[in-house]
C-alpha atoms as a PDB file:
ATOM      1  CA  MET A   1      19.045 -16.903   5.546  1.00  0.00           C
ATOM      2  CA  ASP A   2      17.157 -13.900   3.114  1.00  0.00           C
ATOM      3  CA  GLY A   3      17.460 -13.334   0.208  1.00  0.00           C
ATOM      4  CA  ALA A   4      19.351 -15.430  -2.940  1.00  0.00           C
ATOM      5  CA  ARG A   5      20.918 -17.341   0.277  1.00  0.00           C
ATOM      6  CA  THR A   6      17.252 -18.747   0.934  1.00  0.00           C
ATOM      7  CA  LEU A   7      17.816 -21.238  -2.173  1.00  0.00           C
ATOM      8  CA  LEU A   8      20.941 -22.625  -0.241  1.00  0.00           C
ATOM      9  CA  PRO A   9      19.649 -25.053   2.246  1.00  0.00           C
ATOM     10  CA  TYR A  10      18.537 -28.980   0.422  1.00  0.00           C
ATOM     11  CA  THR A  11      15.052 -28.330   1.193  1.00  0.00           C
ATOM     12  CA  SER A  12      15.492 -25.063  -1.696  1.00  0.00           C
ATOM     13  CA  TRP A  13      17.114 -27.374  -4.360  1.00  0.00           C
ATOM     14  CA  CYS A  14      14.224 -30.430  -3.648  1.00  0.00           C
ATOM     15  CA  TRP A  15      11.643 -27.875  -4.052  1.00  0.00           C
ATOM     16  CA  ASN A  16      12.777 -26.276  -6.829  1.00  0.00           C
ATOM     17  CA  LEU A  17      13.578 -29.377  -8.766  1.00  0.00           C
ATOM     18  CA  LEU A  18      10.355 -30.316  -7.734  1.00  0.00           C
ATOM     19  CA  GLY A  19       9.051 -28.086  -9.565  1.00  0.00           C
ATOM     20  CA  ILE A  20      10.905 -28.052 -12.435  1.00  0.00           C
ATOM     21  CA  SER A  21       9.935 -31.459 -12.725  1.00  0.00           C
ATOM     22  CA  PHE A  22       5.842 -31.196 -13.001  1.00  0.00           C
ATOM     23  CA  ALA A  23       6.921 -28.742 -15.312  1.00  0.00           C
ATOM     24  CA  LEU A  24       8.499 -31.044 -17.285  1.00  0.00           C
ATOM     25  CA  ASN A  25       5.247 -33.286 -17.075  1.00  0.00           C
ATOM     26  CA  ALA A  26       3.204 -30.958 -17.636  1.00  0.00           C
ATOM     27  CA  ILE A  27       5.129 -29.914 -21.469  1.00  0.00           C
ATOM     28  CA  ILE A  28       5.141 -33.921 -21.668  1.00  0.00           C
ATOM     29  CA  ALA A  29       1.108 -33.847 -21.285  1.00  0.00           C
ATOM     30  CA  HIS A  30       0.053 -31.379 -23.386  1.00  0.00           C
ATOM     31  CA  GLN A  31       2.199 -31.444 -26.349  1.00  0.00           C
ATOM     32  CA  GLY A  32       2.501 -35.759 -26.301  1.00  0.00           C
ATOM     33  CA  GLY A  33      -1.141 -36.400 -24.657  1.00  0.00           C
ATOM     34  CA  LEU A  34      -3.483 -32.831 -25.872  1.00  0.00           C
ATOM     35  CA  ASN A  35      -1.281 -32.478 -29.931  1.00  0.00           C
ATOM     36  CA  GLY A  36      -0.036 -35.436 -30.321  1.00  0.00           C
ATOM     37  CA  VAL A  37       3.686 -34.277 -30.966  1.00  0.00           C
ATOM     38  CA  ASP A  38       6.484 -36.461 -30.939  1.00  0.00           C
ATOM     39  CA  LEU A  39       8.531 -35.342 -27.793  1.00  0.00           C
ATOM     40  CA  PRO A  40      12.425 -35.142 -28.395  1.00  0.00           C
ATOM     41  CA  GLN A  41      14.318 -38.105 -26.252  1.00  0.00           C
ATOM     42  CA  PRO A  42      15.949 -35.737 -23.924  1.00  0.00           C
ATOM     43  CA  LEU A  43      13.036 -34.349 -23.153  1.00  0.00           C
ATOM     44  CA  LEU A  44      11.255 -37.787 -22.049  1.00  0.00           C
ATOM     45  CA  ARG A  45      14.666 -38.882 -20.560  1.00  0.00           C
ATOM     46  CA  ALA A  46      15.342 -35.373 -18.480  1.00  0.00           C
ATOM     47  CA  ALA A  47      12.389 -35.054 -17.007  1.00  0.00           C
ATOM     48  CA  LEU A  48      12.218 -38.805 -15.701  1.00  0.00           C
ATOM     49  CA  LEU A  49      15.628 -38.668 -13.983  1.00  0.00           C
ATOM     50  CA  ILE A  50      14.797 -35.545 -12.416  1.00  0.00           C
ATOM     51  CA  PHE A  51      12.291 -36.612 -11.196  1.00  0.00           C
ATOM     52  CA  GLU A  52      14.094 -40.007  -9.872  1.00  0.00           C
ATOM     53  CA  ILE A  53      16.121 -37.265  -7.898  1.00  0.00           C
ATOM     54  CA  ALA A  54      13.275 -35.192  -6.419  1.00  0.00           C
ATOM     55  CA  ALA A  55      10.523 -37.371  -5.072  1.00  0.00           C
ATOM     56  CA  PRO A  56      13.509 -39.808  -2.218  1.00  0.00           C
ATOM     57  CA  SER A  57      15.224 -36.013  -2.279  1.00  0.00           C
ATOM     58  CA  THR A  58      11.201 -34.645  -1.615  1.00  0.00           C
ATOM     59  CA  LEU A  59      11.409 -37.436   1.388  1.00  0.00           C
ATOM     60  CA  LEU A  60      14.695 -37.287   2.291  1.00  0.00           C
ATOM     61  CA  VAL A  61      14.657 -33.706   3.392  1.00  0.00           C
ATOM     62  CA  SER A  62      11.230 -34.578   5.571  1.00  0.00           C
ATOM     63  CA  PHE A  63      12.835 -36.467   7.801  1.00  0.00           C
ATOM     64  CA  VAL A  64      15.548 -35.005   8.301  1.00  0.00           C
ATOM     65  CA  VAL A  65      13.610 -32.020   9.418  1.00  0.00           C
ATOM     66  CA  THR A  66      11.769 -34.055  11.467  1.00  0.00           C
ATOM     67  CA  TYR A  67      14.307 -36.778  13.176  1.00  0.00           C
ATOM     68  CA  ALA A  68      17.288 -34.665  13.214  1.00  0.00           C
ATOM     69  CA  ILE A  69      17.143 -31.165  12.696  1.00  0.00           C
ATOM     70  CA  TRP A  70      13.593 -30.282  14.857  1.00  0.00           C
ATOM     71  CA  PRO A  71      14.389 -32.964  17.874  1.00  0.00           C
ATOM     72  CA  ASN A  72      18.223 -31.190  17.975  1.00  0.00           C
ATOM     73  CA  ILE A  73      17.086 -27.581  17.632  1.00  0.00           C
ATOM     74  CA  LEU A  74      14.849 -28.661  20.912  1.00  0.00           C
ATOM     75  CA  ARG A  75      17.490 -30.664  22.616  1.00  0.00           C
ATOM     76  CA  GLN A  76      19.248 -27.316  22.327  1.00  0.00           C
ATOM     77  CA  GLY A  77      17.100 -25.038  24.059  1.00  0.00           C
ATOM     78  CA  GLY A  78      16.477 -23.520  20.982  1.00  0.00           C
ATOM     79  CA  SER A  79      13.053 -21.696  20.041  1.00  0.00           C
ATOM     80  CA  THR A  80      11.096 -23.468  16.551  1.00  0.00           C
ATOM     81  CA  LYS A  81       9.676 -20.246  15.747  1.00  0.00           C
ATOM     82  CA  ASP A  82      11.341 -20.362  11.862  1.00  0.00           C
ATOM     83  CA  ILE A  83      10.602 -23.808  11.553  1.00  0.00           C
ATOM     84  CA  LYS A  84       7.157 -24.011  11.904  1.00  0.00           C
ATOM     85  CA  SER A  85       6.600 -20.669  10.518  1.00  0.00           C
ATOM     86  CA  THR A  86       3.228 -21.356   7.051  1.00  0.00           C
ATOM     87  CA  ARG A  87       6.610 -20.990   4.463  1.00  0.00           C
ATOM     88  CA  THR A  88       9.003 -23.982   6.288  1.00  0.00           C
ATOM     89  CA  LEU A  89       6.921 -25.882   7.077  1.00  0.00           C
ATOM     90  CA  ILE A  90       5.439 -25.824   2.951  1.00  0.00           C
ATOM     91  CA  TRP A  91       8.337 -26.467   1.707  1.00  0.00           C
ATOM     92  CA  HIS A  92       9.105 -29.437   5.106  1.00  0.00           C
ATOM     93  CA  ASN A  93       5.943 -31.250   4.472  1.00  0.00           C
ATOM     94  CA  ALA A  94       4.270 -30.456   1.426  1.00  0.00           C
ATOM     95  CA  ASN A  95       6.910 -31.708  -1.229  1.00  0.00           C
ATOM     96  CA  VAL A  96       6.586 -34.938   0.094  1.00  0.00           C
ATOM     97  CA  ILE A  97       2.214 -34.791   0.515  1.00  0.00           C
ATOM     98  CA  MET A  98       2.841 -33.559  -3.726  1.00  0.00           C
ATOM     99  CA  ALA A  99       5.289 -36.487  -4.828  1.00  0.00           C
ATOM    100  CA  LEU A 100       3.914 -39.195  -3.165  1.00  0.00           C
ATOM    101  CA  THR A 101       0.293 -37.913  -4.615  1.00  0.00           C
ATOM    102  CA  GLU A 102       1.866 -38.211  -8.107  1.00  0.00           C
ATOM    103  CA  ILE A 103       2.622 -41.324  -7.988  1.00  0.00           C
ATOM    104  CA  ALA A 104      -0.042 -42.931  -6.093  1.00  0.00           C
ATOM    105  CA  LEU A 105      -3.091 -40.960  -7.393  1.00  0.00           C
ATOM    106  CA  LEU A 106      -1.820 -39.129 -10.413  1.00  0.00           C
ATOM    107  CA  GLY A 107       0.160 -40.462 -13.531  1.00  0.00           C
ATOM    108  CA  GLY A 108       2.578 -42.559 -11.465  1.00  0.00           C
ATOM    109  CA  ILE A 109       5.436 -42.335 -13.075  1.00  0.00           C
ATOM    110  CA  PRO A 110       7.707 -44.596 -12.934  1.00  0.00           C
ATOM    111  CA  VAL A 111      10.998 -45.426 -10.646  1.00  0.00           C
ATOM    112  CA  LYS A 112      13.920 -47.226 -12.055  1.00  0.00           C
ATOM    113  CA  LEU A 113      15.301 -48.704  -9.481  1.00  0.00           C
ATOM    114  CA  GLY A 114      18.157 -49.634 -12.462  1.00  0.00           C
ATOM    115  CA  HIS A 115      18.644 -45.529 -11.886  1.00  0.00           C
ATOM    116  CA  CYS A 116      19.393 -45.878  -8.362  1.00  0.00           C
ATOM    117  CA  ALA A 117      22.677 -43.435  -8.677  1.00  0.00           C
ATOM    118  CA  VAL A 118      20.665 -40.464  -9.494  1.00  0.00           C
ATOM    119  CA  ALA A 119      19.280 -39.173  -6.588  1.00  0.00           C
ATOM    120  CA  PRO A 120      22.968 -40.177  -4.323  1.00  0.00           C
ATOM    121  CA  MET A 121      24.484 -38.006  -7.291  1.00  0.00           C
ATOM    122  CA  PHE A 122      22.960 -34.638  -6.615  1.00  0.00           C
ATOM    123  CA  GLY A 123      23.355 -35.105  -2.780  1.00  0.00           C
ATOM    124  CA  ILE A 124      27.071 -35.125  -3.385  1.00  0.00           C
ATOM    125  CA  ALA A 125      26.815 -32.620  -5.146  1.00  0.00           C
ATOM    126  CA  TYR A 126      24.444 -30.416  -2.837  1.00  0.00           C
ATOM    127  CA  ILE A 127      27.375 -31.732  -0.269  1.00  0.00           C
ATOM    128  CA  ILE A 128      30.896 -30.644  -1.942  1.00  0.00           C
ATOM    129  CA  MET A 129      29.013 -26.785  -2.373  1.00  0.00           C
ATOM    130  CA  THR A 130      28.346 -27.075   1.373  1.00  0.00           C
ATOM    131  CA  TRP A 131      31.828 -27.432   1.922  1.00  0.00           C
ATOM    132  CA  TYR A 132      33.104 -25.181  -0.940  1.00  0.00           C
ATOM    133  CA  ILE A 133      30.826 -22.129   0.649  1.00  0.00           C
ATOM    134  CA  VAL A 134      31.556 -22.862   4.610  1.00  0.00           C
ATOM    135  CA  ASN A 135      34.180 -19.696   4.541  1.00  0.00           C
ATOM    136  CA  TYR A 136      32.257 -17.291   2.460  1.00  0.00           C
ATOM    137  CA  TRP A 137      28.991 -16.837   4.749  1.00  0.00           C
ATOM    138  CA  LYS A 138      31.358 -15.548   7.804  1.00  0.00           C
ATOM    139  CA  PRO A 139      34.123 -14.761   6.713  1.00  0.00           C
ATOM    140  CA  ALA A 140      35.536 -13.365   9.967  1.00  0.00           C
ATOM    141  CA  GLU A 141      33.603 -15.820  12.469  1.00  0.00           C
ATOM    142  CA  GLY A 142      35.496 -18.904  10.629  1.00  0.00           C
ATOM    143  CA  PRO A 143      34.149 -21.933   9.057  1.00  0.00           C
ATOM    144  CA  GLN A 144      29.771 -21.873   8.652  1.00  0.00           C
ATOM    145  CA  PHE A 145      28.208 -24.583   8.307  1.00  0.00           C
ATOM    146  CA  ILE A 146      24.679 -24.942   6.617  1.00  0.00           C
ATOM    147  CA  TYR A 147      23.292 -28.014   7.947  1.00  0.00           C
ATOM    148  CA  PHE A 148      25.963 -29.407  11.848  1.00  0.00           C
ATOM    149  CA  PHE A 149      25.604 -33.248  10.263  1.00  0.00           C
ATOM    150  CA  PHE A 150      28.182 -31.308   7.445  1.00  0.00           C
ATOM    151  CA  ASP A 151      30.241 -29.859   9.987  1.00  0.00           C
ATOM    152  CA  THR A 152      34.168 -31.441   8.994  1.00  0.00           C
ATOM    153  CA  THR A 153      35.159 -31.052  13.042  1.00  0.00           C
ATOM    154  CA  LEU A 154      32.919 -33.883  14.171  1.00  0.00           C
ATOM    155  CA  GLY A 155      35.286 -36.169  12.744  1.00  0.00           C
ATOM    156  CA  LYS A 156      34.171 -39.639  12.457  1.00  0.00           C
ATOM    157  CA  THR A 157      30.665 -38.759  13.145  1.00  0.00           C
ATOM    158  CA  THR A 158      29.792 -36.749   9.598  1.00  0.00           C
ATOM    159  CA  THR A 159      31.531 -39.974   8.077  1.00  0.00           C
ATOM    160  CA  TYR A 160      28.454 -42.059   9.603  1.00  0.00           C
ATOM    161  CA  VAL A 161      26.166 -39.458   9.369  1.00  0.00           C
ATOM    162  CA  LEU A 162      26.829 -39.708   5.470  1.00  0.00           C
ATOM    163  CA  LEU A 163      26.453 -42.843   5.473  1.00  0.00           C
ATOM    164  CA  ILE A 164      22.937 -42.760   7.112  1.00  0.00           C
ATOM    165  CA  LEU A 165      21.518 -40.084   4.830  1.00  0.00           C
ATOM    166  CA  LEU A 166      22.792 -42.274   1.968  1.00  0.00           C
ATOM    167  CA  THR A 167      21.142 -45.226   3.862  1.00  0.00           C
ATOM    168  CA  VAL A 168      17.820 -43.464   4.307  1.00  0.00           C
ATOM    169  CA  MET A 169      17.631 -41.892   0.350  1.00  0.00           C
ATOM    170  CA  MET A 170      18.358 -44.888  -1.115  1.00  0.00           C
ATOM    171  CA  PHE A 171      15.554 -47.077   1.444  1.00  0.00           C
ATOM    172  CA  PHE A 172      13.574 -44.094  -0.114  1.00  0.00           C
ATOM    173  CA  TYR A 173      14.150 -44.572  -3.500  1.00  0.00           C
ATOM    174  CA  GLY A 174      12.770 -48.070  -3.026  1.00  0.00           C
ATOM    175  CA  ILE A 175       9.843 -47.512  -1.803  1.00  0.00           C
ATOM    176  CA  PHE A 176       9.694 -45.200  -4.371  1.00  0.00           C
ATOM    177  CA  ALA A 177      10.182 -47.851  -6.803  1.00  0.00           C
ATOM    178  CA  MET A 178       8.655 -50.429  -5.808  1.00  0.00           C
ATOM    179  CA  VAL A 179       5.388 -47.690  -5.349  1.00  0.00           C
ATOM    180  CA  ASP A 180       2.778 -50.530  -6.789  1.00  0.00           C
ATOM    181  CA  LEU A 181       4.113 -53.570  -4.964  1.00  0.00           C
ATOM    182  CA  LEU A 182       3.749 -51.679  -1.660  1.00  0.00           C
ATOM    183  CA  ILE A 183       0.154 -50.541  -2.563  1.00  0.00           C
ATOM    184  CA  HIS A 184      -0.510 -54.010  -3.765  1.00  0.00           C
ATOM    185  CA  HIS A 185      -0.110 -55.183  -0.594  1.00  0.00           C
ATOM    186  CA  ILE A 186      -2.835 -52.563   0.970  1.00  0.00           C
ATOM    187  CA  GLY A 187      -4.848 -54.294  -1.142  1.00  0.00           C
ATOM    188  CA  GLY A 188      -5.942 -52.078  -4.411  1.00  0.00           C
ATOM    189  CA  GLY A 189      -8.281 -49.475  -5.007  1.00  0.00           C
ATOM    190  CA  ILE A 190      -8.493 -45.541  -4.702  1.00  0.00           C
ATOM    191  CA  ILE A 191      -8.570 -45.953  -0.781  1.00  0.00           C
ATOM    192  CA  SER A 192      -5.245 -47.369  -0.831  1.00  0.00           C
ATOM    193  CA  HIS A 193      -3.409 -45.738  -2.663  1.00  0.00           C
ATOM    194  CA  LEU A 194      -4.140 -42.287  -0.490  1.00  0.00           C
ATOM    195  CA  LEU A 195      -3.887 -44.814   2.101  1.00  0.00           C
ATOM    196  CA  PHE A 196      -0.500 -45.424   1.315  1.00  0.00           C
ATOM    197  CA  VAL A 197      -0.342 -41.168   0.572  1.00  0.00           C
ATOM    198  CA  VAL A 198      -0.829 -40.768   4.100  1.00  0.00           C
ATOM    199  CA  ILE A 199       0.986 -43.564   5.913  1.00  0.00           C
ATOM    200  CA  VAL A 200       4.098 -42.258   4.438  1.00  0.00           C
ATOM    201  CA  SER A 201       3.580 -38.393   5.047  1.00  0.00           C
ATOM    202  CA  ALA A 202       2.350 -39.366   8.582  1.00  0.00           C
ATOM    203  CA  GLY A 203       5.771 -41.027   8.618  1.00  0.00           C
ATOM    204  CA  VAL A 204       8.040 -38.175   7.922  1.00  0.00           C
ATOM    205  CA  CYS A 205       5.616 -34.629   7.777  1.00  0.00           C
ATOM    206  CA  ARG A 206       6.149 -32.789  11.406  1.00  0.00           C
ATOM    207  CA  PHE A 207       4.122 -29.668  12.038  1.00  0.00           C
ATOM    208  CA  ARG A 208       3.938 -29.335  15.649  1.00  0.00           C
ATOM    209  CA  ASP A 209       6.811 -29.656  18.546  1.00  0.00           C
END
């Protein structure tokens, strides 16, 4: 993929959404914190919801790459050169580290359990988009699925995969929602917060075969 098509992978969606989240939070901190401006509630609500979508999605991206896409390439005897490129490694790993750093070491944006539906809704919108464009990649060659596990010709396997992805995303959402409790059990303090970031990142990030 090249050009505008590089915006189609779920990785790009999450990467851009996380960037939007950080941009909104910067505006809120600057205008509300430094200048004392009363910020509109829709802006504050949007910033929170976008982060609640982006944070667990970044973990999901790295998890899928580490435990599904990368192993699948190796099983098929393919080259992992592209997935090990600097840009791709940043996409798949730096987003997780930044999201965890934000919530454990910086501002600590609250992720509310009551909003747990927003992240799956974002994922559903993405899946619908991928199914919509399957016939536009290479019309002469038939449907092309951007991810092999979204292939609807796999029958029940696709359904199982979607359920697994939903379960994993909800698990990661729970991690962000209960981060204060988890860190408290580790012991509290800056070292514990840093240890939390390192442990979770190490569990989902991958850099080599």
